[in-house]
PDB file of N, CA and C in Angstrom:
ATOM      1  N   UNK A   1       3.479 -26.738 -14.692  1.00  0.00           N
ATOM      2  CA  UNK A   1       4.732 -26.535 -15.520  1.00  0.00           C
ATOM      3  C   UNK A   1       5.549 -25.737 -14.646  1.00  0.00           C
ATOM      4  N   UNK A   2       6.746 -26.201 -14.639  1.00  0.00           N
ATOM      5  CA  UNK A   2       7.713 -24.997 -14.144  1.00  0.00           C
ATOM      6  C   UNK A   2       8.398 -24.163 -15.040  1.00  0.00           C
ATOM      7  N   UNK A   3       8.683 -22.951 -14.773  1.00  0.00           N
ATOM      8  CA  UNK A   3       9.298 -21.803 -15.789  1.00  0.00           C
ATOM      9  C   UNK A   3      10.793 -22.278 -15.980  1.00  0.00           C
ATOM     10  N   UNK A   4      10.956 -21.869 -17.050  1.00  0.00           N
ATOM     11  CA  UNK A   4      12.190 -22.213 -17.676  1.00  0.00           C
ATOM     12  C   UNK A   4      13.216 -20.819 -17.089  1.00  0.00           C
ATOM     13  N   UNK A   5      14.668 -21.289 -16.972  1.00  0.00           N
ATOM     14  CA  UNK A   5      15.296 -20.139 -16.679  1.00  0.00           C
ATOM     15  C   UNK A   5      14.983 -18.737 -17.589  1.00  0.00           C
ATOM     16  N   UNK A   6      14.854 -19.042 -18.842  1.00  0.00           N
ATOM     17  CA  UNK A   6      14.518 -17.859 -19.754  1.00  0.00           C
ATOM     18  C   UNK A   6      13.319 -17.122 -19.306  1.00  0.00           C
ATOM     19  N   UNK A   7      12.412 -17.983 -18.857  1.00  0.00           N
ATOM     20  CA  UNK A   7      11.062 -17.428 -18.566  1.00  0.00           C
ATOM     21  C   UNK A   7      11.080 -16.790 -17.034  1.00  0.00           C
ATOM     22  N   UNK A   8      11.792 -17.247 -16.221  1.00  0.00           N
ATOM     23  CA  UNK A   8      12.022 -16.754 -15.252  1.00  0.00           C
ATOM     24  C   UNK A   8      12.572 -15.427 -15.203  1.00  0.00           C
ATOM     25  N   UNK A   9      14.001 -15.357 -16.226  1.00  0.00           N
ATOM     26  CA  UNK A   9      14.528 -13.923 -16.331  1.00  0.00           C
ATOM     27  C   UNK A   9      13.761 -12.738 -16.858  1.00  0.00           C
ATOM     28  N   UNK A  10      12.731 -13.336 -17.862  1.00  0.00           N
ATOM     29  CA  UNK A  10      11.979 -12.499 -18.519  1.00  0.00           C
ATOM     30  C   UNK A  10      10.846 -11.915 -17.705  1.00  0.00           C
ATOM     31  N   UNK A  11      10.216 -12.602 -16.741  1.00  0.00           N
ATOM     32  CA  UNK A  11       9.085 -12.515 -15.903  1.00  0.00           C
ATOM     33  C   UNK A  11      10.014 -11.298 -14.915  1.00  0.00           C
ATOM     34  N   UNK A  12      10.952 -11.572 -14.270  1.00  0.00           N
ATOM     35  CA  UNK A  12      11.740 -10.526 -13.360  1.00  0.00           C
ATOM     36  C   UNK A  12      12.039  -9.312 -13.800  1.00  0.00           C
ATOM     37  N   UNK A  13      12.554  -9.325 -15.247  1.00  0.00           N
ATOM     38  CA  UNK A  13      12.498  -8.106 -15.994  1.00  0.00           C
ATOM     39  C   UNK A  13      11.231  -7.378 -16.006  1.00  0.00           C
ATOM     40  N   UNK A  14      10.333  -7.881 -16.384  1.00  0.00           N
ATOM     41  CA  UNK A  14       8.971  -7.312 -16.498  1.00  0.00           C
ATOM     42  C   UNK A  14       8.418  -6.826 -15.214  1.00  0.00           C
ATOM     43  N   UNK A  15       8.700  -7.484 -14.132  1.00  0.00           N
ATOM     44  CA  UNK A  15       8.196  -6.944 -12.682  1.00  0.00           C
ATOM     45  C   UNK A  15       9.209  -5.918 -12.266  1.00  0.00           C
ATOM     46  N   UNK A  16      10.255  -5.610 -12.965  1.00  0.00           N
ATOM     47  CA  UNK A  16      11.222  -4.630 -12.433  1.00  0.00           C
ATOM     48  C   UNK A  16      10.440  -3.425 -13.548  1.00  0.00           C
ATOM     49  N   UNK A  17      10.480  -3.870 -14.690  1.00  0.00           N
ATOM     50  CA  UNK A  17       9.955  -2.633 -15.283  1.00  0.00           C
ATOM     51  C   UNK A  17       8.854  -2.021 -14.823  1.00  0.00           C
ATOM     52  N   UNK A  18       7.798  -2.660 -14.650  1.00  0.00           N
ATOM     53  CA  UNK A  18       6.340  -2.283 -14.072  1.00  0.00           C
ATOM     54  C   UNK A  18       6.694  -1.562 -12.957  1.00  0.00           C
ATOM     55  N   UNK A  19       7.555  -1.976 -11.650  1.00  0.00           N
ATOM     56  CA  UNK A  19       7.717  -1.454 -10.626  1.00  0.00           C
ATOM     57  C   UNK A  19       8.380   0.107 -10.784  1.00  0.00           C
ATOM     58  N   UNK A  20       9.120   0.135 -11.610  1.00  0.00           N
ATOM     59  CA  UNK A  20       9.836   1.399 -11.822  1.00  0.00           C
ATOM     60  C   UNK A  20       8.971   2.339 -12.744  1.00  0.00           C
ATOM     61  N   UNK A  21       7.962   1.914 -13.316  1.00  0.00           N
ATOM     62  CA  UNK A  21       6.948   2.642 -14.113  1.00  0.00           C
ATOM     63  C   UNK A  21       6.022   3.221 -13.147  1.00  0.00           C
ATOM     64  N   UNK A  22       5.845   2.778 -12.099  1.00  0.00           N
ATOM     65  CA  UNK A  22       4.704   3.337 -10.789  1.00  0.00           C
ATOM     66  C   UNK A  22       5.235   4.958 -10.592  1.00  0.00           C
ATOM     67  N   UNK A  23       4.165   5.746 -10.609  1.00  0.00           N
ATOM     68  CA  UNK A  23       4.000   6.801  -9.931  1.00  0.00           C
ATOM     69  C   UNK A  23       4.179   6.940  -8.508  1.00  0.00           C
ATOM     70  N   UNK A  24       5.265   7.142  -8.041  1.00  0.00           N
ATOM     71  CA  UNK A  24       5.368   7.152  -6.527  1.00  0.00           C
ATOM     72  C   UNK A  24       5.247   8.646  -5.738  1.00  0.00           C
ATOM     73  N   UNK A  25       5.129   9.614  -6.639  1.00  0.00           N
ATOM     74  CA  UNK A  25       5.158  10.894  -6.109  1.00  0.00           C
ATOM     75  C   UNK A  25       4.308  11.408  -4.853  1.00  0.00           C
ATOM     76  N   UNK A  26       3.179  10.548  -4.688  1.00  0.00           N
ATOM     77  CA  UNK A  26       2.323  10.750  -3.655  1.00  0.00           C
ATOM     78  C   UNK A  26       2.176   9.835  -2.543  1.00  0.00           C
ATOM     79  N   UNK A  27       3.308   9.087  -2.501  1.00  0.00           N
ATOM     80  CA  UNK A  27       3.382   7.804  -1.277  1.00  0.00           C
ATOM     81  C   UNK A  27       3.911   8.434  -0.074  1.00  0.00           C
ATOM     82  N   UNK A  28       3.332   7.782   0.862  1.00  0.00           N
ATOM     83  CA  UNK A  28       3.886   7.875   2.247  1.00  0.00           C
ATOM     84  C   UNK A  28       5.256   7.179   2.811  1.00  0.00           C
ATOM     85  N   UNK A  29       5.862   8.018   3.438  1.00  0.00           N
ATOM     86  CA  UNK A  29       7.315   7.608   3.200  1.00  0.00           C
ATOM     87  C   UNK A  29       7.395   7.341   5.122  1.00  0.00           C
ATOM     88  N   UNK A  30       8.171   6.211   5.426  1.00  0.00           N
ATOM     89  CA  UNK A  30       8.001   5.890   6.866  1.00  0.00           C
ATOM     90  C   UNK A  30       9.539   5.519   7.204  1.00  0.00           C
ATOM     91  N   UNK A  31       9.912   6.052   8.642  1.00  0.00           N
ATOM     92  CA  UNK A  31      11.157   5.670   9.000  1.00  0.00           C
ATOM     93  C   UNK A  31      10.878   5.056  10.367  1.00  0.00           C
ATOM     94  N   UNK A  32      12.209   4.660  10.802  1.00  0.00           N
ATOM     95  CA  UNK A  32      12.076   3.982  12.081  1.00  0.00           C
ATOM     96  C   UNK A  32      11.820   4.754  13.282  1.00  0.00           C
ATOM     97  N   UNK A  33      10.901   4.167  14.046  1.00  0.00           N
ATOM     98  CA  UNK A  33      10.147   5.006  15.361  1.00  0.00           C
ATOM     99  C   UNK A  33      11.536   5.609  16.237  1.00  0.00           C
ATOM    100  N   UNK A  34      11.282   6.859  16.584  1.00  0.00           N
ATOM    101  CA  UNK A  34      12.299   7.458  17.678  1.00  0.00           C
ATOM    102  C   UNK A  34      13.196   8.367  16.485  1.00  0.00           C
ATOM    103  N   UNK A  35      13.221   8.272  15.404  1.00  0.00           N
ATOM    104  CA  UNK A  35      14.048   9.305  14.826  1.00  0.00           C
ATOM    105  C   UNK A  35      13.736  10.665  14.330  1.00  0.00           C
ATOM    106  N   UNK A  36      14.506  11.344  14.313  1.00  0.00           N
ATOM    107  CA  UNK A  36      14.133  12.942  14.330  1.00  0.00           C
ATOM    108  C   UNK A  36      14.176  13.255  12.724  1.00  0.00           C
ATOM    109  N   UNK A  37      13.530  14.376  12.473  1.00  0.00           N
ATOM    110  CA  UNK A  37      13.550  14.843  11.406  1.00  0.00           C
ATOM    111  C   UNK A  37      14.816  15.265  10.671  1.00  0.00           C
ATOM    112  N   UNK A  38      15.738  15.849  11.524  1.00  0.00           N
ATOM    113  CA  UNK A  38      17.076  16.198  10.848  1.00  0.00           C
ATOM    114  C   UNK A  38      18.114  15.036  10.863  1.00  0.00           C
ATOM    115  N   UNK A  39      17.727  14.116  11.491  1.00  0.00           N
ATOM    116  CA  UNK A  39      18.835  12.709  11.444  1.00  0.00           C
ATOM    117  C   UNK A  39      19.031  12.144  10.189  1.00  0.00           C
ATOM    118  N   UNK A  40      19.917  11.555  10.009  1.00  0.00           N
ATOM    119  CA  UNK A  40      19.916  10.890   8.707  1.00  0.00           C
ATOM    120  C   UNK A  40      19.190   9.515   8.840  1.00  0.00           C
ATOM    121  N   UNK A  41      18.388   9.070   8.129  1.00  0.00           N
ATOM    122  CA  UNK A  41      17.853   7.811   8.284  1.00  0.00           C
ATOM    123  C   UNK A  41      17.179   7.097   6.643  1.00  0.00           C
ATOM    124  N   UNK A  42      16.928   5.822   7.075  1.00  0.00           N
ATOM    125  CA  UNK A  42      16.604   5.249   5.762  1.00  0.00           C
ATOM    126  C   UNK A  42      14.938   5.439   5.993  1.00  0.00           C
ATOM    127  N   UNK A  43      14.393   5.704   4.584  1.00  0.00           N
ATOM    128  CA  UNK A  43      12.627   5.919   5.018  1.00  0.00           C
ATOM    129  C   UNK A  43      12.177   4.719   3.853  1.00  0.00           C
ATOM    130  N   UNK A  44      11.294   4.209   3.850  1.00  0.00           N
ATOM    131  CA  UNK A  44      10.522   3.070   3.096  1.00  0.00           C
ATOM    132  C   UNK A  44       9.034   3.589   2.841  1.00  0.00           C
ATOM    133  N   UNK A  45       8.539   3.542   1.703  1.00  0.00           N
ATOM    134  CA  UNK A  45       6.993   3.296   1.493  1.00  0.00           C
ATOM    135  C   UNK A  45       6.622   2.349   0.669  1.00  0.00           C
ATOM    136  N   UNK A  46       5.413   1.737   1.209  1.00  0.00           N
ATOM    137  CA  UNK A  46       4.889   0.680   0.835  1.00  0.00           C
ATOM    138  C   UNK A  46       3.982   1.073  -0.487  1.00  0.00           C
ATOM    139  N   UNK A  47       4.362   0.033  -1.657  1.00  0.00           N
ATOM    140  CA  UNK A  47       3.912   0.069  -2.985  1.00  0.00           C
ATOM    141  C   UNK A  47       2.933  -0.777  -3.259  1.00  0.00           C
ATOM    142  N   UNK A  48       1.966  -1.021  -4.311  1.00  0.00           N
ATOM    143  CA  UNK A  48       0.927  -1.916  -4.590  1.00  0.00           C
ATOM    144  C   UNK A  48       1.728  -3.388  -4.805  1.00  0.00           C
ATOM    145  N   UNK A  49       0.840  -4.289  -4.440  1.00  0.00           N
ATOM    146  CA  UNK A  49       1.384  -5.563  -4.789  1.00  0.00           C
ATOM    147  C   UNK A  49       2.449  -6.081  -3.784  1.00  0.00           C
ATOM    148  N   UNK A  50       2.613  -5.270  -2.701  1.00  0.00           N
ATOM    149  CA  UNK A  50       3.680  -5.869  -1.650  1.00  0.00           C
ATOM    150  C   UNK A  50       5.022  -5.160  -1.963  1.00  0.00           C
ATOM    151  N   UNK A  51       5.306  -4.494  -3.112  1.00  0.00           N
ATOM    152  CA  UNK A  51       6.511  -3.852  -3.237  1.00  0.00           C
ATOM    153  C   UNK A  51       6.802  -2.929  -2.212  1.00  0.00           C
ATOM    154  N   UNK A  52       7.953  -2.554  -2.108  1.00  0.00           N
ATOM    155  CA  UNK A  52       8.417  -1.378  -1.238  1.00  0.00           C
ATOM    156  C   UNK A  52       9.617  -0.475  -1.825  1.00  0.00           C
ATOM    157  N   UNK A  53       9.597   0.892  -1.758  1.00  0.00           N
ATOM    158  CA  UNK A  53      10.620   1.723  -2.289  1.00  0.00           C
ATOM    159  C   UNK A  53      11.456   2.059  -1.089  1.00  0.00           C
ATOM    160  N   UNK A  54      12.764   2.590  -1.079  1.00  0.00           N
ATOM    161  CA  UNK A  54      13.755   2.825  -0.290  1.00  0.00           C
ATOM    162  C   UNK A  54      14.018   4.062  -0.743  1.00  0.00           C
ATOM    163  N   UNK A  55      14.585   5.125   0.223  1.00  0.00           N
ATOM    164  CA  UNK A  55      15.286   6.106   0.024  1.00  0.00           C
ATOM    165  C   UNK A  55      16.285   6.382   1.339  1.00  0.00           C
ATOM    166  N   UNK A  56      17.253   7.290   1.042  1.00  0.00           N
ATOM    167  CA  UNK A  56      17.662   7.836   2.296  1.00  0.00           C
ATOM    168  C   UNK A  56      17.456   9.561   2.528  1.00  0.00           C
ATOM    169  N   UNK A  57      17.168   9.612   3.829  1.00  0.00           N
ATOM    170  CA  UNK A  57      16.757  11.015   4.229  1.00  0.00           C
ATOM    171  C   UNK A  57      17.630  12.041   3.555  1.00  0.00           C
ATOM    172  N   UNK A  58      19.080  11.917   3.280  1.00  0.00           N
ATOM    173  CA  UNK A  58      20.040  12.730   2.798  1.00  0.00           C
ATOM    174  C   UNK A  58      20.029  12.962   1.154  1.00  0.00           C
ATOM    175  N   UNK A  59      19.347  12.119   0.514  1.00  0.00           N
ATOM    176  CA  UNK A  59      19.144  12.000  -0.941  1.00  0.00           C
ATOM    177  C   UNK A  59      17.850  11.542  -1.473  1.00  0.00           C
ATOM    178  N   UNK A  60      16.731  12.223  -1.046  1.00  0.00           N
ATOM    179  CA  UNK A  60      15.290  11.597  -1.159  1.00  0.00           C
ATOM    180  C   UNK A  60      14.986  11.598  -2.847  1.00  0.00           C
ATOM    181  N   UNK A  61      15.806  11.937  -3.552  1.00  0.00           N
ATOM    182  CA  UNK A  61      15.637  11.691  -5.252  1.00  0.00           C
ATOM    183  C   UNK A  61      15.963  10.333  -5.651  1.00  0.00           C
ATOM    184  N   UNK A  62      16.867   9.954  -4.922  1.00  0.00           N
ATOM    185  CA  UNK A  62      17.294   8.501  -5.445  1.00  0.00           C
ATOM    186  C   UNK A  62      16.619   7.640  -4.537  1.00  0.00           C
ATOM    187  N   UNK A  63      15.766   6.715  -5.174  1.00  0.00           N
ATOM    188  CA  UNK A  63      14.768   5.707  -4.709  1.00  0.00           C
ATOM    189  C   UNK A  63      15.123   4.425  -5.427  1.00  0.00           C
ATOM    190  N   UNK A  64      15.089   3.347  -4.583  1.00  0.00           N
ATOM    191  CA  UNK A  64      15.421   2.025  -4.781  1.00  0.00           C
ATOM    192  C   UNK A  64      14.001   1.322  -4.828  1.00  0.00           C
ATOM    193  N   UNK A  65      13.820   0.634  -5.620  1.00  0.00           N
ATOM    194  CA  UNK A  65      12.368  -0.172  -5.510  1.00  0.00           C
ATOM    195  C   UNK A  65      12.671  -1.811  -5.337  1.00  0.00           C
ATOM    196  N   UNK A  66      12.025  -2.430  -4.540  1.00  0.00           N
ATOM    197  CA  UNK A  66      12.213  -3.754  -4.637  1.00  0.00           C
ATOM    198  C   UNK A  66      10.792  -4.390  -4.687  1.00  0.00           C
ATOM    199  N   UNK A  67      10.746  -5.491  -5.264  1.00  0.00           N
ATOM    200  CA  UNK A  67       9.320  -6.347  -5.623  1.00  0.00           C
ATOM    201  C   UNK A  67       9.359  -6.920  -4.185  1.00  0.00           C
ATOM    202  N   UNK A  68       8.001  -7.686  -4.065  1.00  0.00           N
ATOM    203  CA  UNK A  68       7.438  -7.961  -2.529  1.00  0.00           C
ATOM    204  C   UNK A  68       8.609  -9.286  -2.371  1.00  0.00           C
ATOM    205  N   UNK A  69       8.967 -10.241  -3.310  1.00  0.00           N
ATOM    206  CA  UNK A  69       9.843 -11.325  -3.031  1.00  0.00           C
ATOM    207  C   UNK A  69      11.160 -10.945  -2.579  1.00  0.00           C
ATOM    208  N   UNK A  70      11.563  -9.560  -3.178  1.00  0.00           N
ATOM    209  CA  UNK A  70      12.835  -9.297  -3.167  1.00  0.00           C
ATOM    210  C   UNK A  70      13.038  -8.730  -1.709  1.00  0.00           C
ATOM    211  N   UNK A  71      11.846  -7.841  -1.256  1.00  0.00           N
ATOM    212  CA  UNK A  71      11.942  -7.285   0.067  1.00  0.00           C
ATOM    213  C   UNK A  71      11.712  -8.341   1.346  1.00  0.00           C
ATOM    214  N   UNK A  72      10.928  -9.403   0.939  1.00  0.00           N
ATOM    215  CA  UNK A  72      10.750 -10.333   1.947  1.00  0.00           C
ATOM    216  C   UNK A  72      12.114 -11.096   2.322  1.00  0.00           C
ATOM    217  N   UNK A  73      12.889 -11.379   0.921  1.00  0.00           N
ATOM    218  CA  UNK A  73      14.153 -11.946   1.103  1.00  0.00           C
ATOM    219  C   UNK A  73      15.143 -11.101   1.963  1.00  0.00           C
ATOM    220  N   UNK A  74      15.053 -10.011   1.770  1.00  0.00           N
ATOM    221  CA  UNK A  74      15.970  -9.065   2.447  1.00  0.00           C
ATOM    222  C   UNK A  74      15.584  -9.294   3.740  1.00  0.00           C
ATOM    223  N   UNK A  75      14.463  -8.972   4.449  1.00  0.00           N
ATOM    224  CA  UNK A  75      13.886  -8.873   5.575  1.00  0.00           C
ATOM    225  C   UNK A  75      14.239 -10.267   6.304  1.00  0.00           C
ATOM    226  N   UNK A  76      13.871 -11.059   5.808  1.00  0.00           N
ATOM    227  CA  UNK A  76      14.091 -12.358   6.510  1.00  0.00           C
ATOM    228  C   UNK A  76      15.758 -12.908   6.536  1.00  0.00           C
ATOM    229  N   UNK A  77      16.575 -12.470   5.617  1.00  0.00           N
ATOM    230  CA  UNK A  77      17.965 -12.379   5.782  1.00  0.00           C
ATOM    231  C   UNK A  77      18.391 -11.654   6.859  1.00  0.00           C
ATOM    232  N   UNK A  78      17.876 -10.466   6.927  1.00  0.00           N
ATOM    233  CA  UNK A  78      18.456  -9.486   8.012  1.00  0.00           C
ATOM    234  C   UNK A  78      18.156 -10.047   9.245  1.00  0.00           C
ATOM    235  N   UNK A  79      16.801 -10.581   9.588  1.00  0.00           N
ATOM    236  CA  UNK A  79      16.459 -10.969  10.883  1.00  0.00           C
ATOM    237  C   UNK A  79      17.230 -12.440  11.288  1.00  0.00           C
ATOM    238  N   UNK A  80      17.777 -13.088  10.195  1.00  0.00           N
ATOM    239  CA  UNK A  80      18.504 -14.261  10.240  1.00  0.00           C
ATOM    240  C   UNK A  80      20.168 -13.652  10.835  1.00  0.00           C
ATOM    241  N   UNK A  81      20.508 -12.670  10.557  1.00  0.00           N
ATOM    242  CA  UNK A  81      21.991 -12.293  10.558  1.00  0.00           C
ATOM    243  C   UNK A  81      22.628 -12.416   9.508  1.00  0.00           C
ATOM    244  N   UNK A  82      21.899 -12.631   8.287  1.00  0.00           N
ATOM    245  CA  UNK A  82      22.724 -12.540   7.042  1.00  0.00           C
ATOM    246  C   UNK A  82      23.611 -11.393   6.650  1.00  0.00           C
ATOM    247  N   UNK A  83      23.157 -10.227   7.013  1.00  0.00           N
ATOM    248  CA  UNK A  83      24.240  -9.213   6.935  1.00  0.00           C
ATOM    249  C   UNK A  83      24.831  -8.507   8.281  1.00  0.00           C
ATOM    250  N   UNK A  84      24.744  -9.018   9.006  1.00  0.00           N
ATOM    251  CA  UNK A  84      25.643  -8.775  10.222  1.00  0.00           C
ATOM    252  C   UNK A  84      27.205  -8.729   9.873  1.00  0.00           C
ATOM    253  N   UNK A  85      27.838  -7.526  10.143  1.00  0.00           N
ATOM    254  CA  UNK A  85      29.202  -7.294  10.177  1.00  0.00           C
ATOM    255  C   UNK A  85      30.071  -7.902  11.506  1.00  0.00           C
ATOM    256  N   UNK A  86      30.948  -8.409  11.062  1.00  0.00           N
ATOM    257  CA  UNK A  86      31.917  -9.041  11.943  1.00  0.00           C
ATOM    258  C   UNK A  86      32.803  -7.594  12.564  1.00  0.00           C
ATOM    259  N   UNK A  87      32.526  -7.427  13.714  1.00  0.00           N
ATOM    260  CA  UNK A  87      33.221  -6.327  14.357  1.00  0.00           C
ATOM    261  C   UNK A  87      34.780  -6.031  14.049  1.00  0.00           C
ATOM    262  N   UNK A  88      35.324  -5.221  13.445  1.00  0.00           N
ATOM    263  CA  UNK A  88      36.525  -5.041  12.867  1.00  0.00           C
ATOM    264  C   UNK A  88      37.033  -3.548  12.942  1.00  0.00           C
ATOM    265  N   UNK A  89      37.926  -3.006  13.131  1.00  0.00           N
ATOM    266  CA  UNK A  89      38.372  -1.597  13.192  1.00  0.00           C
ATOM    267  C   UNK A  89      38.006  -1.071  11.691  1.00  0.00           C
ATOM    268  N   UNK A  90      38.151  -1.656  10.711  1.00  0.00           N
ATOM    269  CA  UNK A  90      37.803  -0.881   9.435  1.00  0.00           C
ATOM    270  C   UNK A  90      36.153  -0.534   9.095  1.00  0.00           C
ATOM    271  N   UNK A  91      35.461  -1.304   9.708  1.00  0.00           N
ATOM    272  CA  UNK A  91      33.928  -1.138   9.763  1.00  0.00           C
ATOM    273  C   UNK A  91      33.421  -0.231  10.866  1.00  0.00           C
ATOM    274  N   UNK A  92      34.200   0.212  11.546  1.00  0.00           N
ATOM    275  CA  UNK A  92      33.570   0.935  12.695  1.00  0.00           C
ATOM    276  C   UNK A  92      33.164  -0.049  14.109  1.00  0.00           C
ATOM    277  N   UNK A  93      33.569  -1.112  13.976  1.00  0.00           N
ATOM    278  CA  UNK A  93      33.339  -2.165  14.902  1.00  0.00           C
ATOM    279  C   UNK A  93      34.588  -2.073  16.034  1.00  0.00           C
ATOM    280  N   UNK A  94      34.730  -2.998  17.018  1.00  0.00           N
ATOM    281  CA  UNK A  94      35.825  -3.101  18.007  1.00  0.00           C
ATOM    282  C   UNK A  94      37.267  -3.252  17.349  1.00  0.00           C
ATOM    283  N   UNK A  95      38.270  -2.847  18.244  1.00  0.00           N
ATOM    284  CA  UNK A  95      39.587  -3.581  17.447  1.00  0.00           C
ATOM    285  C   UNK A  95      39.505  -4.949  17.640  1.00  0.00           C
ATOM    286  N   UNK A  96      40.009  -5.716  16.662  1.00  0.00           N
ATOM    287  CA  UNK A  96      40.302  -7.045  16.837  1.00  0.00           C
ATOM    288  C   UNK A  96      41.565  -7.178  17.740  1.00  0.00           C
ATOM    289  N   UNK A  97      41.413  -8.207  18.655  1.00  0.00           N
ATOM    290  CA  UNK A  97      42.345  -8.417  19.473  1.00  0.00           C
ATOM    291  C   UNK A  97      43.214  -9.585  19.449  1.00  0.00           C
TER     292      UNK A  97
END
């Protein structure tokens, strides 16, 4: 039996509440290989159930948390180029000819 829209919304809210209730004070943070301690970087930590926490090295107290499904969707979208920026002068890309 398929979930109704209301059931899906309730389940997602429950998952989000559980995710943010986790104590992550002892997690191990990872960053891209080759980055230096003093460089600005994105750091991630793997949480139970396939969830992921993400933060900026410049603001380590602000942590975003993603369920396994959310993280998987993001990674697959990034691999497919879903978030690629069109090079334009306003976003640091090449000047448009």
